[in-house]
């Protein structure tokens, strides 16, 4: 699992796409309801796209393969939005941009080469693991940002697209940690998280 964490945070194959993954982490983690919806979209897109690529690999063109896979992932993400529309149309309007970033994150973090010699069980297990790691990061950030920044906690559902589990923002006019709810605060939080992660990776090597 450590290798999966490293490949997600320190992807060298396409740094520009990795920046889009950071965008997804920042904006999807502002609310727990957004984080849970984005997590479901990640698992949906990662698993179904990997299985589709695995099934159609014999007929996929060698040149332009990434473009074809990108169209497949975008179509699968559109199906997720279509299914979500029947649950909460307002949540679709709020999340459509973030959900459509998931195909780009798939292309930037998932290695298509390992599908050539893998079995369908290992493909499903590997994609679920990567999607869950990515989803865990987003959900973990949201559990810090929303309670500290908005003094509330929400889950998907309801007529407004989200249901508040609690909201104490009206009891005080001063939010000392409200900065974490902004994009700048999310970048600072991400920087601290990456620094701690790198320090944790280097610690065993230094003790040898």
Foldseek 3Di string as FASTA:
>chain_A
DLVLVCLLQPPPPDVVLSVLLVVLLLVQLLALQSLVLLLVLLLQLLQVLLLVCLVCVVPQDPPCNLVVSLVVSQVSLVVSLVVVCVFAVLLSVVCVVSSSSSSSSNSRRPDSVVSPPDDSVVSNVVSNVSSVVSSVSSNVLNVVNCCLQQVWHWHAGDHNRIDIPDGDCVVDVDRPRNVCSDSVVVVVVVVVVVVVSVVVVCVVVVVD
